[in-house]
mmCIF file of all heavy atoms, coordinates in Angstrom:
data_MODEL
# 
_entry.id   MODEL 
# 
loop_
_atom_site.group_PDB 
_atom_site.id 
_atom_site.type_symbol 
_atom_site.label_atom_id 
_atom_site.label_alt_id 
_atom_site.label_comp_id 
_atom_site.label_asym_id 
_atom_site.label_entity_id 
_atom_site.label_seq_id 
_atom_site.pdbx_PDB_ins_code 
_atom_site.Cartn_x 
_atom_site.Cartn_y 
_atom_site.Cartn_z 
_atom_site.occupancy 
_atom_site.B_iso_or_equiv 
_atom_site.pdbx_formal_charge 
_atom_site.auth_seq_id 
_atom_site.auth_comp_id 
_atom_site.auth_asym_id 
_atom_site.auth_atom_id 
_atom_site.pdbx_PDB_model_num 
ATOM 1   N N   . ALA A 1 1  ? 8.621  13.917 14.824 1.00 0.00 ? 1  ALA A N   1 
ATOM 2   C CA  . ALA A 1 1  ? 7.582  12.894 14.737 1.00 0.00 ? 1  ALA A CA  1 
ATOM 3   C C   . ALA A 1 1  ? 7.432  12.392 13.315 1.00 0.00 ? 1  ALA A C   1 
ATOM 4   O O   . ALA A 1 1  ? 7.709  13.192 12.409 1.00 0.00 ? 1  ALA A O   1 
ATOM 5   C CB  . ALA A 1 1  ? 6.297  13.391 15.358 1.00 0.00 ? 1  ALA A CB  1 
ATOM 6   N N   . PRO A 1 2  ? 6.937  11.196 13.095 1.00 0.00 ? 2  PRO A N   1 
ATOM 7   C CA  . PRO A 1 2  ? 6.725  10.733 11.735 1.00 0.00 ? 2  PRO A CA  1 
ATOM 8   C C   . PRO A 1 2  ? 5.886  11.684 10.906 1.00 0.00 ? 2  PRO A C   1 
ATOM 9   O O   . PRO A 1 2  ? 4.834  12.087 11.357 1.00 0.00 ? 2  PRO A O   1 
ATOM 10  C CB  . PRO A 1 2  ? 6.060  9.369  11.926 1.00 0.00 ? 2  PRO A CB  1 
ATOM 11  C CG  . PRO A 1 2  ? 6.511  8.923  13.297 1.00 0.00 ? 2  PRO A CG  1 
ATOM 12  C CD  . PRO A 1 2  ? 6.565  10.155 14.085 1.00 0.00 ? 2  PRO A CD  1 
ATOM 13  N N   . GLY A 1 3  ? 6.352  11.966 9.728  1.00 0.00 ? 3  GLY A N   1 
ATOM 14  C CA  . GLY A 1 3  ? 5.620  12.834 8.813  1.00 0.00 ? 3  GLY A CA  1 
ATOM 15  C C   . GLY A 1 3  ? 5.652  14.307 9.159  1.00 0.00 ? 3  GLY A C   1 
ATOM 16  O O   . GLY A 1 3  ? 5.053  15.121 8.474  1.00 0.00 ? 3  GLY A O   1 
ATOM 17  N N   . GLU A 1 4  ? 6.422  14.662 10.132 1.00 0.00 ? 4  GLU A N   1 
ATOM 18  C CA  . GLU A 1 4  ? 6.523  16.067 10.553 1.00 0.00 ? 4  GLU A CA  1 
ATOM 19  C C   . GLU A 1 4  ? 8.010  16.573 10.435 1.00 0.00 ? 4  GLU A C   1 
ATOM 20  O O   . GLU A 1 4  ? 8.915  15.768 10.341 1.00 0.00 ? 4  GLU A O   1 
ATOM 21  C CB  . GLU A 1 4  ? 6.041  16.289 11.992 1.00 0.00 ? 4  GLU A CB  1 
ATOM 22  C CG  . GLU A 1 4  ? 4.588  15.868 12.211 1.00 0.00 ? 4  GLU A CG  1 
ATOM 23  C CD  . GLU A 1 4  ? 4.132  16.107 13.614 1.00 0.00 ? 4  GLU A CD  1 
ATOM 24  O OE1 . GLU A 1 4  ? 4.893  16.731 14.422 1.00 0.00 ? 4  GLU A OE1 1 
ATOM 25  O OE2 . GLU A 1 4  ? 3.023  15.719 13.958 1.00 0.00 ? 4  GLU A OE2 1 
ATOM 26  N N   . GLU A 1 5  ? 8.135  17.876 10.407 1.00 0.00 ? 5  GLU A N   1 
ATOM 27  C CA  . GLU A 1 5  ? 9.457  18.465 10.322 1.00 0.00 ? 5  GLU A CA  1 
ATOM 28  C C   . GLU A 1 5  ? 10.097 18.451 11.706 1.00 0.00 ? 5  GLU A C   1 
ATOM 29  O O   . GLU A 1 5  ? 9.451  18.432 12.719 1.00 0.00 ? 5  GLU A O   1 
ATOM 30  C CB  . GLU A 1 5  ? 9.385  19.907 9.798  1.00 0.00 ? 5  GLU A CB  1 
ATOM 31  C CG  . GLU A 1 5  ? 8.896  20.056 8.373  1.00 0.00 ? 5  GLU A CG  1 
ATOM 32  C CD  . GLU A 1 5  ? 8.913  21.468 7.871  1.00 0.00 ? 5  GLU A CD  1 
ATOM 33  O OE1 . GLU A 1 5  ? 9.089  22.378 8.730  1.00 0.00 ? 5  GLU A OE1 1 
ATOM 34  O OE2 . GLU A 1 5  ? 8.780  21.677 6.684  1.00 0.00 ? 5  GLU A OE2 1 
ATOM 35  N N   . ARG A 1 6  ? 11.405 18.431 11.681 1.00 0.00 ? 6  ARG A N   1 
ATOM 36  C CA  . ARG A 1 6  ? 12.140 18.507 12.964 1.00 0.00 ? 6  ARG A CA  1 
ATOM 37  C C   . ARG A 1 6  ? 11.955 19.865 13.580 1.00 0.00 ? 6  ARG A C   1 
ATOM 38  O O   . ARG A 1 6  ? 12.058 20.906 12.893 1.00 0.00 ? 6  ARG A O   1 
ATOM 39  C CB  . ARG A 1 6  ? 13.631 18.214 12.669 1.00 0.00 ? 6  ARG A CB  1 
ATOM 40  C CG  . ARG A 1 6  ? 14.475 17.996 13.897 1.00 0.00 ? 6  ARG A CG  1 
ATOM 41  C CD  . ARG A 1 6  ? 15.806 17.423 13.521 1.00 0.00 ? 6  ARG A CD  1 
ATOM 42  N NE  . ARG A 1 6  ? 15.693 16.188 12.821 1.00 0.00 ? 6  ARG A NE  1 
ATOM 43  C CZ  . ARG A 1 6  ? 16.737 15.435 12.445 1.00 0.00 ? 6  ARG A CZ  1 
ATOM 44  N NH1 . ARG A 1 6  ? 17.987 15.835 12.692 1.00 0.00 ? 6  ARG A NH1 1 
ATOM 45  N NH2 . ARG A 1 6  ? 16.521 14.295 11.794 1.00 0.00 ? 6  ARG A NH2 1 
ATOM 46  N N   . GLU A 1 7  ? 11.647 19.886 14.860 1.00 0.00 ? 7  GLU A N   1 
ATOM 47  C CA  . GLU A 1 7  ? 11.366 21.126 15.528 1.00 0.00 ? 7  GLU A CA  1 
ATOM 48  C C   . GLU A 1 7  ? 12.278 21.359 16.733 1.00 0.00 ? 7  GLU A C   1 
ATOM 49  O O   . GLU A 1 7  ? 12.709 20.382 17.416 1.00 0.00 ? 7  GLU A O   1 
ATOM 50  C CB  . GLU A 1 7  ? 9.902  21.186 15.983 1.00 0.00 ? 7  GLU A CB  1 
ATOM 51  C CG  . GLU A 1 7  ? 9.505  20.168 17.053 1.00 0.00 ? 7  GLU A CG  1 
ATOM 52  C CD  . GLU A 1 7  ? 8.094  20.384 17.563 1.00 0.00 ? 7  GLU A CD  1 
ATOM 53  O OE1 . GLU A 1 7  ? 7.532  21.452 17.363 1.00 0.00 ? 7  GLU A OE1 1 
ATOM 54  O OE2 . GLU A 1 7  ? 7.573  19.412 18.208 1.00 0.00 ? 7  GLU A OE2 1 
ATOM 55  N N   . PHE A 1 8  ? 12.534 22.604 17.013 1.00 0.00 ? 8  PHE A N   1 
ATOM 56  C CA  . PHE A 1 8  ? 13.314 22.994 18.159 1.00 0.00 ? 8  PHE A CA  1 
ATOM 57  C C   . PHE A 1 8  ? 12.594 22.712 19.438 1.00 0.00 ? 8  PHE A C   1 
ATOM 58  O O   . PHE A 1 8  ? 11.372 22.960 19.553 1.00 0.00 ? 8  PHE A O   1 
ATOM 59  C CB  . PHE A 1 8  ? 13.647 24.474 18.051 1.00 0.00 ? 8  PHE A CB  1 
ATOM 60  C CG  . PHE A 1 8  ? 14.315 25.028 19.271 1.00 0.00 ? 8  PHE A CG  1 
ATOM 61  C CD1 . PHE A 1 8  ? 15.657 24.891 19.489 1.00 0.00 ? 8  PHE A CD1 1 
ATOM 62  C CD2 . PHE A 1 8  ? 13.594 25.802 20.176 1.00 0.00 ? 8  PHE A CD2 1 
ATOM 63  C CE1 . PHE A 1 8  ? 16.302 25.418 20.591 1.00 0.00 ? 8  PHE A CE1 1 
ATOM 64  C CE2 . PHE A 1 8  ? 14.175 26.292 21.273 1.00 0.00 ? 8  PHE A CE2 1 
ATOM 65  C CZ  . PHE A 1 8  ? 15.551 26.104 21.505 1.00 0.00 ? 8  PHE A CZ  1 
ATOM 66  N N   . VAL A 1 9  ? 13.343 22.234 20.476 1.00 0.00 ? 9  VAL A N   1 
ATOM 67  C CA  . VAL A 1 9  ? 12.753 21.985 21.764 1.00 0.00 ? 9  VAL A CA  1 
ATOM 68  C C   . VAL A 1 9  ? 13.399 22.873 22.856 1.00 0.00 ? 9  VAL A C   1 
ATOM 69  O O   . VAL A 1 9  ? 12.709 23.601 23.556 1.00 0.00 ? 9  VAL A O   1 
ATOM 70  C CB  . VAL A 1 9  ? 12.927 20.526 22.205 1.00 0.00 ? 9  VAL A CB  1 
ATOM 71  C CG1 . VAL A 1 9  ? 12.466 20.306 23.614 1.00 0.00 ? 9  VAL A CG1 1 
ATOM 72  C CG2 . VAL A 1 9  ? 12.218 19.585 21.218 1.00 0.00 ? 9  VAL A CG2 1 
ATOM 73  N N   . ALA A 1 10 ? 14.734 22.866 22.957 1.00 0.00 ? 10 ALA A N   1 
ATOM 74  C CA  . ALA A 1 10 ? 15.438 23.647 23.948 1.00 0.00 ? 10 ALA A CA  1 
ATOM 75  C C   . ALA A 1 10 ? 16.901 23.752 23.565 1.00 0.00 ? 10 ALA A C   1 
ATOM 76  O O   . ALA A 1 10 ? 17.406 22.937 22.785 1.00 0.00 ? 10 ALA A O   1 
ATOM 77  C CB  . ALA A 1 10 ? 15.284 23.021 25.337 1.00 0.00 ? 10 ALA A CB  1 
ATOM 78  N N   . ALA A 1 11 ? 17.607 24.736 24.110 1.00 0.00 ? 11 ALA A N   1 
ATOM 79  C CA  . ALA A 1 11 ? 18.996 24.878 23.846 1.00 0.00 ? 11 ALA A CA  1 
ATOM 80  C C   . ALA A 1 11 ? 19.685 25.581 24.996 1.00 0.00 ? 11 ALA A C   1 
ATOM 81  O O   . ALA A 1 11 ? 19.067 26.301 25.832 1.00 0.00 ? 11 ALA A O   1 
ATOM 82  C CB  . ALA A 1 11 ? 19.226 25.744 22.579 1.00 0.00 ? 11 ALA A CB  1 
ATOM 83  N N   . VAL A 1 12 ? 20.961 25.306 25.174 1.00 0.00 ? 12 VAL A N   1 
ATOM 84  C CA  . VAL A 1 12 ? 21.782 25.894 26.202 1.00 0.00 ? 12 VAL A CA  1 
ATOM 85  C C   . VAL A 1 12 ? 23.194 26.167 25.682 1.00 0.00 ? 12 VAL A C   1 
ATOM 86  O O   . VAL A 1 12 ? 23.688 25.358 24.838 1.00 0.00 ? 12 VAL A O   1 
ATOM 87  C CB  . VAL A 1 12 ? 21.838 24.994 27.431 1.00 0.00 ? 12 VAL A CB  1 
ATOM 88  C CG1 . VAL A 1 12 ? 22.525 23.690 27.136 1.00 0.00 ? 12 VAL A CG1 1 
ATOM 89  C CG2 . VAL A 1 12 ? 22.546 25.697 28.596 1.00 0.00 ? 12 VAL A CG2 1 
ATOM 90  N N   . SER A 1 13 ? 23.811 27.242 26.101 1.00 0.00 ? 13 SER A N   1 
ATOM 91  C CA  . SER A 1 13 ? 25.169 27.487 25.748 1.00 0.00 ? 13 SER A CA  1 
ATOM 92  C C   . SER A 1 13 ? 26.093 26.862 26.752 1.00 0.00 ? 13 SER A C   1 
ATOM 93  O O   . SER A 1 13 ? 25.864 26.882 27.952 1.00 0.00 ? 13 SER A O   1 
ATOM 94  C CB  . SER A 1 13 ? 25.470 29.017 25.632 1.00 0.00 ? 13 SER A CB  1 
ATOM 95  O OG  . SER A 1 13 ? 25.257 29.624 26.894 1.00 0.00 ? 13 SER A OG  1 
ATOM 96  N N   . TRP A 1 14 ? 27.163 26.249 26.271 1.00 0.00 ? 14 TRP A N   1 
ATOM 97  C CA  . TRP A 1 14 ? 28.108 25.554 27.196 1.00 0.00 ? 14 TRP A CA  1 
ATOM 98  C C   . TRP A 1 14 ? 28.739 26.491 28.167 1.00 0.00 ? 14 TRP A C   1 
ATOM 99  O O   . TRP A 1 14 ? 28.872 26.192 29.372 1.00 0.00 ? 14 TRP A O   1 
ATOM 100 C CB  . TRP A 1 14 ? 29.211 24.863 26.374 1.00 0.00 ? 14 TRP A CB  1 
ATOM 101 C CG  . TRP A 1 14 ? 28.775 23.596 25.692 1.00 0.00 ? 14 TRP A CG  1 
ATOM 102 C CD1 . TRP A 1 14 ? 28.423 23.438 24.385 1.00 0.00 ? 14 TRP A CD1 1 
ATOM 103 C CD2 . TRP A 1 14 ? 28.683 22.299 26.304 1.00 0.00 ? 14 TRP A CD2 1 
ATOM 104 N NE1 . TRP A 1 14 ? 28.083 22.143 24.139 1.00 0.00 ? 14 TRP A NE1 1 
ATOM 105 C CE2 . TRP A 1 14 ? 28.248 21.402 25.275 1.00 0.00 ? 14 TRP A CE2 1 
ATOM 106 C CE3 . TRP A 1 14 ? 28.909 21.825 27.595 1.00 0.00 ? 14 TRP A CE3 1 
ATOM 107 C CZ2 . TRP A 1 14 ? 28.049 20.041 25.552 1.00 0.00 ? 14 TRP A CZ2 1 
ATOM 108 C CZ3 . TRP A 1 14 ? 28.682 20.444 27.803 1.00 0.00 ? 14 TRP A CZ3 1 
ATOM 109 C CH2 . TRP A 1 14 ? 28.294 19.601 26.804 1.00 0.00 ? 14 TRP A CH2 1 
ATOM 110 N N   . SER A 1 15 ? 29.126 27.647 27.716 1.00 0.00 ? 15 SER A N   1 
ATOM 111 C CA  . SER A 1 15 ? 29.836 28.574 28.570 1.00 0.00 ? 15 SER A CA  1 
ATOM 112 C C   . SER A 1 15 ? 28.976 29.510 29.373 1.00 0.00 ? 15 SER A C   1 
ATOM 113 O O   . SER A 1 15 ? 29.031 29.533 30.621 1.00 0.00 ? 15 SER A O   1 
ATOM 114 C CB  . SER A 1 15 ? 30.814 29.414 27.697 1.00 0.00 ? 15 SER A CB  1 
ATOM 115 O OG  . SER A 1 15 ? 30.109 30.079 26.689 1.00 0.00 ? 15 SER A OG  1 
ATOM 116 N N   . GLY A 1 16 ? 28.106 30.244 28.710 1.00 0.00 ? 16 GLY A N   1 
ATOM 117 C CA  . GLY A 1 16 ? 27.276 31.202 29.450 1.00 0.00 ? 16 GLY A CA  1 
ATOM 118 C C   . GLY A 1 16 ? 26.089 30.669 30.159 1.00 0.00 ? 16 GLY A C   1 
ATOM 119 O O   . GLY A 1 16 ? 25.579 31.265 31.099 1.00 0.00 ? 16 GLY A O   1 
ATOM 120 N N   . GLY A 1 17 ? 25.572 29.490 29.737 1.00 0.00 ? 17 GLY A N   1 
ATOM 121 C CA  . GLY A 1 17 ? 24.451 28.882 30.348 1.00 0.00 ? 17 GLY A CA  1 
ATOM 122 C C   . GLY A 1 17 ? 23.107 29.432 29.965 1.00 0.00 ? 17 GLY A C   1 
ATOM 123 O O   . GLY A 1 17 ? 22.073 29.087 30.547 1.00 0.00 ? 17 GLY A O   1 
ATOM 124 N N   . SER A 1 18 ? 23.077 30.285 28.942 1.00 0.00 ? 18 SER A N   1 
ATOM 125 C CA  . SER A 1 18 ? 21.848 30.832 28.473 1.00 0.00 ? 18 SER A CA  1 
ATOM 126 C C   . SER A 1 18 ? 20.958 29.713 27.938 1.00 0.00 ? 18 SER A C   1 
ATOM 127 O O   . SER A 1 18 ? 21.435 28.812 27.246 1.00 0.00 ? 18 SER A O   1 
ATOM 128 C CB  . SER A 1 18 ? 22.053 31.893 27.405 1.00 0.00 ? 18 SER A CB  1 
ATOM 129 O OG  . SER A 1 18 ? 22.826 32.975 27.908 1.00 0.00 ? 18 SER A OG  1 
ATOM 130 N N   . THR A 1 19 ? 19.673 29.780 28.246 1.00 0.00 ? 19 THR A N   1 
ATOM 131 C CA  . THR A 1 19 ? 18.710 28.768 27.803 1.00 0.00 ? 19 THR A CA  1 
ATOM 132 C C   . THR A 1 19 ? 17.578 29.379 27.034 1.00 0.00 ? 19 THR A C   1 
ATOM 133 O O   . THR A 1 19 ? 17.210 30.516 27.182 1.00 0.00 ? 19 THR A O   1 
ATOM 134 C CB  . THR A 1 19 ? 18.153 27.943 28.961 1.00 0.00 ? 19 THR A CB  1 
ATOM 135 O OG1 . THR A 1 19 ? 17.486 28.814 29.871 1.00 0.00 ? 19 THR A OG1 1 
ATOM 136 C CG2 . THR A 1 19 ? 19.291 27.248 29.772 1.00 0.00 ? 19 THR A CG2 1 
ATOM 137 N N   . HIS A 1 20 ? 16.925 28.504 26.201 1.00 0.00 ? 20 HIS A N   1 
ATOM 138 C CA  . HIS A 1 20 ? 15.777 28.932 25.447 1.00 0.00 ? 20 HIS A CA  1 
ATOM 139 C C   . HIS A 1 20 ? 14.926 27.701 25.221 1.00 0.00 ? 20 HIS A C   1 
ATOM 140 O O   . HIS A 1 20 ? 15.431 26.619 24.970 1.00 0.00 ? 20 HIS A O   1 
ATOM 141 C CB  . HIS A 1 20 ? 16.194 29.508 24.098 1.00 0.00 ? 20 HIS A CB  1 
ATOM 142 C CG  . HIS A 1 20 ? 15.052 30.020 23.302 1.00 0.00 ? 20 HIS A CG  1 
ATOM 143 N ND1 . HIS A 1 20 ? 14.313 31.130 23.643 1.00 0.00 ? 20 HIS A ND1 1 
ATOM 144 C CD2 . HIS A 1 20 ? 14.474 29.558 22.141 1.00 0.00 ? 20 HIS A CD2 1 
ATOM 145 C CE1 . HIS A 1 20 ? 13.370 31.326 22.761 1.00 0.00 ? 20 HIS A CE1 1 
ATOM 146 N NE2 . HIS A 1 20 ? 13.423 30.364 21.837 1.00 0.00 ? 20 HIS A NE2 1 
ATOM 147 N N   . TYR A 1 21 ? 13.612 27.877 25.358 1.00 0.00 ? 21 TYR A N   1 
ATOM 148 C CA  . TYR A 1 21 ? 12.704 26.756 25.261 1.00 0.00 ? 21 TYR A CA  1 
ATOM 149 C C   . TYR A 1 21 ? 11.571 27.052 24.243 1.00 0.00 ? 21 TYR A C   1 
ATOM 150 O O   . TYR A 1 21 ? 11.117 28.202 24.141 1.00 0.00 ? 21 TYR A O   1 
ATOM 151 C CB  . TYR A 1 21 ? 12.047 26.406 26.589 1.00 0.00 ? 21 TYR A CB  1 
ATOM 152 C CG  . TYR A 1 21 ? 13.017 25.975 27.668 1.00 0.00 ? 21 TYR A CG  1 
ATOM 153 C CD1 . TYR A 1 21 ? 13.594 26.894 28.529 1.00 0.00 ? 21 TYR A CD1 1 
ATOM 154 C CD2 . TYR A 1 21 ? 13.294 24.645 27.812 1.00 0.00 ? 21 TYR A CD2 1 
ATOM 155 C CE1 . TYR A 1 21 ? 14.499 26.490 29.472 1.00 0.00 ? 21 TYR A CE1 1 
ATOM 156 C CE2 . TYR A 1 21 ? 14.204 24.207 28.825 1.00 0.00 ? 21 TYR A CE2 1 
ATOM 157 C CZ  . TYR A 1 21 ? 14.762 25.133 29.620 1.00 0.00 ? 21 TYR A CZ  1 
ATOM 158 O OH  . TYR A 1 21 ? 15.650 24.742 30.613 1.00 0.00 ? 21 TYR A OH  1 
ATOM 159 N N   . ALA A 1 22 ? 11.138 26.002 23.573 1.00 0.00 ? 22 ALA A N   1 
ATOM 160 C CA  . ALA A 1 22 ? 9.965  26.124 22.771 1.00 0.00 ? 22 ALA A CA  1 
ATOM 161 C C   . ALA A 1 22 ? 8.754  26.374 23.697 1.00 0.00 ? 22 ALA A C   1 
ATOM 162 O O   . ALA A 1 22 ? 8.713  25.815 24.789 1.00 0.00 ? 22 ALA A O   1 
ATOM 163 C CB  . ALA A 1 22 ? 9.757  24.908 21.892 1.00 0.00 ? 22 ALA A CB  1 
ATOM 164 N N   . ASP A 1 23 ? 7.771  27.105 23.222 1.00 0.00 ? 23 ASP A N   1 
ATOM 165 C CA  . ASP A 1 23 ? 6.577  27.403 24.040 1.00 0.00 ? 23 ASP A CA  1 
ATOM 166 C C   . ASP A 1 23 ? 5.864  26.121 24.480 1.00 0.00 ? 23 ASP A C   1 
ATOM 167 O O   . ASP A 1 23 ? 5.319  26.031 25.575 1.00 0.00 ? 23 ASP A O   1 
ATOM 168 C CB  . ASP A 1 23 ? 5.615  28.269 23.274 1.00 0.00 ? 23 ASP A CB  1 
ATOM 169 C CG  . ASP A 1 23 ? 6.122  29.711 23.135 1.00 0.00 ? 23 ASP A CG  1 
ATOM 170 O OD1 . ASP A 1 23 ? 7.003  30.102 23.876 1.00 0.00 ? 23 ASP A OD1 1 
ATOM 171 O OD2 . ASP A 1 23 ? 5.594  30.411 22.246 1.00 0.00 ? 23 ASP A OD2 1 
ATOM 172 N N   . SER A 1 24 ? 5.914  25.082 23.643 1.00 0.00 ? 24 SER A N   1 
ATOM 173 C CA  . SER A 1 24 ? 5.238  23.887 23.964 1.00 0.00 ? 24 SER A CA  1 
ATOM 174 C C   . SER A 1 24 ? 5.811  23.069 25.108 1.00 0.00 ? 24 SER A C   1 
ATOM 175 O O   . SER A 1 24 ? 5.112  22.199 25.647 1.00 0.00 ? 24 SER A O   1 
ATOM 176 C CB  . SER A 1 24 ? 5.213  22.942 22.681 1.00 0.00 ? 24 SER A CB  1 
ATOM 177 O OG  . SER A 1 24 ? 6.536  22.627 22.286 1.00 0.00 ? 24 SER A OG  1 
ATOM 178 N N   . VAL A 1 25 ? 7.023  23.363 25.514 1.00 0.00 ? 25 VAL A N   1 
ATOM 179 C CA  . VAL A 1 25 ? 7.644  22.575 26.622 1.00 0.00 ? 25 VAL A CA  1 
ATOM 180 C C   . VAL A 1 25 ? 8.022  23.439 27.801 1.00 0.00 ? 25 VAL A C   1 
ATOM 181 O O   . VAL A 1 25 ? 8.504  22.933 28.812 1.00 0.00 ? 25 VAL A O   1 
ATOM 182 C CB  . VAL A 1 25 ? 8.904  21.878 26.120 1.00 0.00 ? 25 VAL A CB  1 
ATOM 183 C CG1 . VAL A 1 25 ? 8.541  20.973 24.904 1.00 0.00 ? 25 VAL A CG1 1 
ATOM 184 C CG2 . VAL A 1 25 ? 10.035 22.831 25.746 1.00 0.00 ? 25 VAL A CG2 1 
ATOM 185 N N   . LYS A 1 26 ? 7.752  24.760 27.744 1.00 0.00 ? 26 LYS A N   1 
ATOM 186 C CA  . LYS A 1 26 ? 8.100  25.615 28.858 1.00 0.00 ? 26 LYS A CA  1 
ATOM 187 C C   . LYS A 1 26 ? 7.395  25.188 30.128 1.00 0.00 ? 26 LYS A C   1 
ATOM 188 O O   . LYS A 1 26 ? 6.183  24.881 30.116 1.00 0.00 ? 26 LYS A O   1 
ATOM 189 C CB  . LYS A 1 26 ? 7.736  27.056 28.530 1.00 0.00 ? 26 LYS A CB  1 
ATOM 190 C CG  . LYS A 1 26 ? 8.688  27.737 27.604 1.00 0.00 ? 26 LYS A CG  1 
ATOM 191 C CD  . LYS A 1 26 ? 8.301  29.207 27.337 1.00 0.00 ? 26 LYS A CD  1 
ATOM 192 C CE  . LYS A 1 26 ? 9.236  29.901 26.393 1.00 0.00 ? 26 LYS A CE  1 
ATOM 193 N NZ  . LYS A 1 26 ? 8.840  31.311 26.152 1.00 0.00 ? 26 LYS A NZ  1 
ATOM 194 N N   . GLY A 1 27 ? 8.132  25.117 31.247 1.00 0.00 ? 27 GLY A N   1 
ATOM 195 C CA  . GLY A 1 27 ? 7.572  24.691 32.470 1.00 0.00 ? 27 GLY A CA  1 
ATOM 196 C C   . GLY A 1 27 ? 7.568  23.214 32.700 1.00 0.00 ? 27 GLY A C   1 
ATOM 197 O O   . GLY A 1 27 ? 7.268  22.753 33.807 1.00 0.00 ? 27 GLY A O   1 
ATOM 198 N N   . ARG A 1 28 ? 7.849  22.440 31.658 1.00 0.00 ? 28 ARG A N   1 
ATOM 199 C CA  . ARG A 1 28 ? 7.854  20.999 31.747 1.00 0.00 ? 28 ARG A CA  1 
ATOM 200 C C   . ARG A 1 28 ? 9.243  20.397 31.483 1.00 0.00 ? 28 ARG A C   1 
ATOM 201 O O   . ARG A 1 28 ? 9.602  19.411 32.107 1.00 0.00 ? 28 ARG A O   1 
ATOM 202 C CB  . ARG A 1 28 ? 6.874  20.374 30.745 1.00 0.00 ? 28 ARG A CB  1 
ATOM 203 C CG  . ARG A 1 28 ? 5.413  20.808 30.993 1.00 0.00 ? 28 ARG A CG  1 
ATOM 204 C CD  . ARG A 1 28 ? 4.455  19.956 30.113 1.00 0.00 ? 28 ARG A CD  1 
ATOM 205 N NE  . ARG A 1 28 ? 4.709  20.168 28.677 1.00 0.00 ? 28 ARG A NE  1 
ATOM 206 C CZ  . ARG A 1 28 ? 5.046  19.235 27.835 1.00 0.00 ? 28 ARG A CZ  1 
ATOM 207 N NH1 . ARG A 1 28 ? 5.189  17.973 28.282 1.00 0.00 ? 28 ARG A NH1 1 
ATOM 208 N NH2 . ARG A 1 28 ? 5.252  19.498 26.549 1.00 0.00 ? 28 ARG A NH2 1 
ATOM 209 N N   . PHE A 1 29 ? 9.970  20.995 30.598 1.00 0.00 ? 29 PHE A N   1 
ATOM 210 C CA  . PHE A 1 29 ? 11.326 20.500 30.222 1.00 0.00 ? 29 PHE A CA  1 
ATOM 211 C C   . PHE A 1 29 ? 12.377 21.449 30.808 1.00 0.00 ? 29 PHE A C   1 
ATOM 212 O O   . PHE A 1 29 ? 12.147 22.654 30.864 1.00 0.00 ? 29 PHE A O   1 
ATOM 213 C CB  . PHE A 1 29 ? 11.513 20.421 28.716 1.00 0.00 ? 29 PHE A CB  1 
ATOM 214 C CG  . PHE A 1 29 ? 10.683 19.340 28.025 1.00 0.00 ? 29 PHE A CG  1 
ATOM 215 C CD1 . PHE A 1 29 ? 9.684  18.672 28.654 1.00 0.00 ? 29 PHE A CD1 1 
ATOM 216 C CD2 . PHE A 1 29 ? 10.942 19.060 26.685 1.00 0.00 ? 29 PHE A CD2 1 
ATOM 217 C CE1 . PHE A 1 29 ? 8.921  17.683 28.038 1.00 0.00 ? 29 PHE A CE1 1 
ATOM 218 C CE2 . PHE A 1 29 ? 10.198 18.070 26.030 1.00 0.00 ? 29 PHE A CE2 1 
ATOM 219 C CZ  . PHE A 1 29 ? 9.201  17.408 26.697 1.00 0.00 ? 29 PHE A CZ  1 
# 
């Protein structure tokens, strides 16, 4: 967002499919 640092939202591995979400988006994204 303007004036803010870039923050992590979510990630997935192409092969294994492991996922990780930021607490702020869990259950929504």
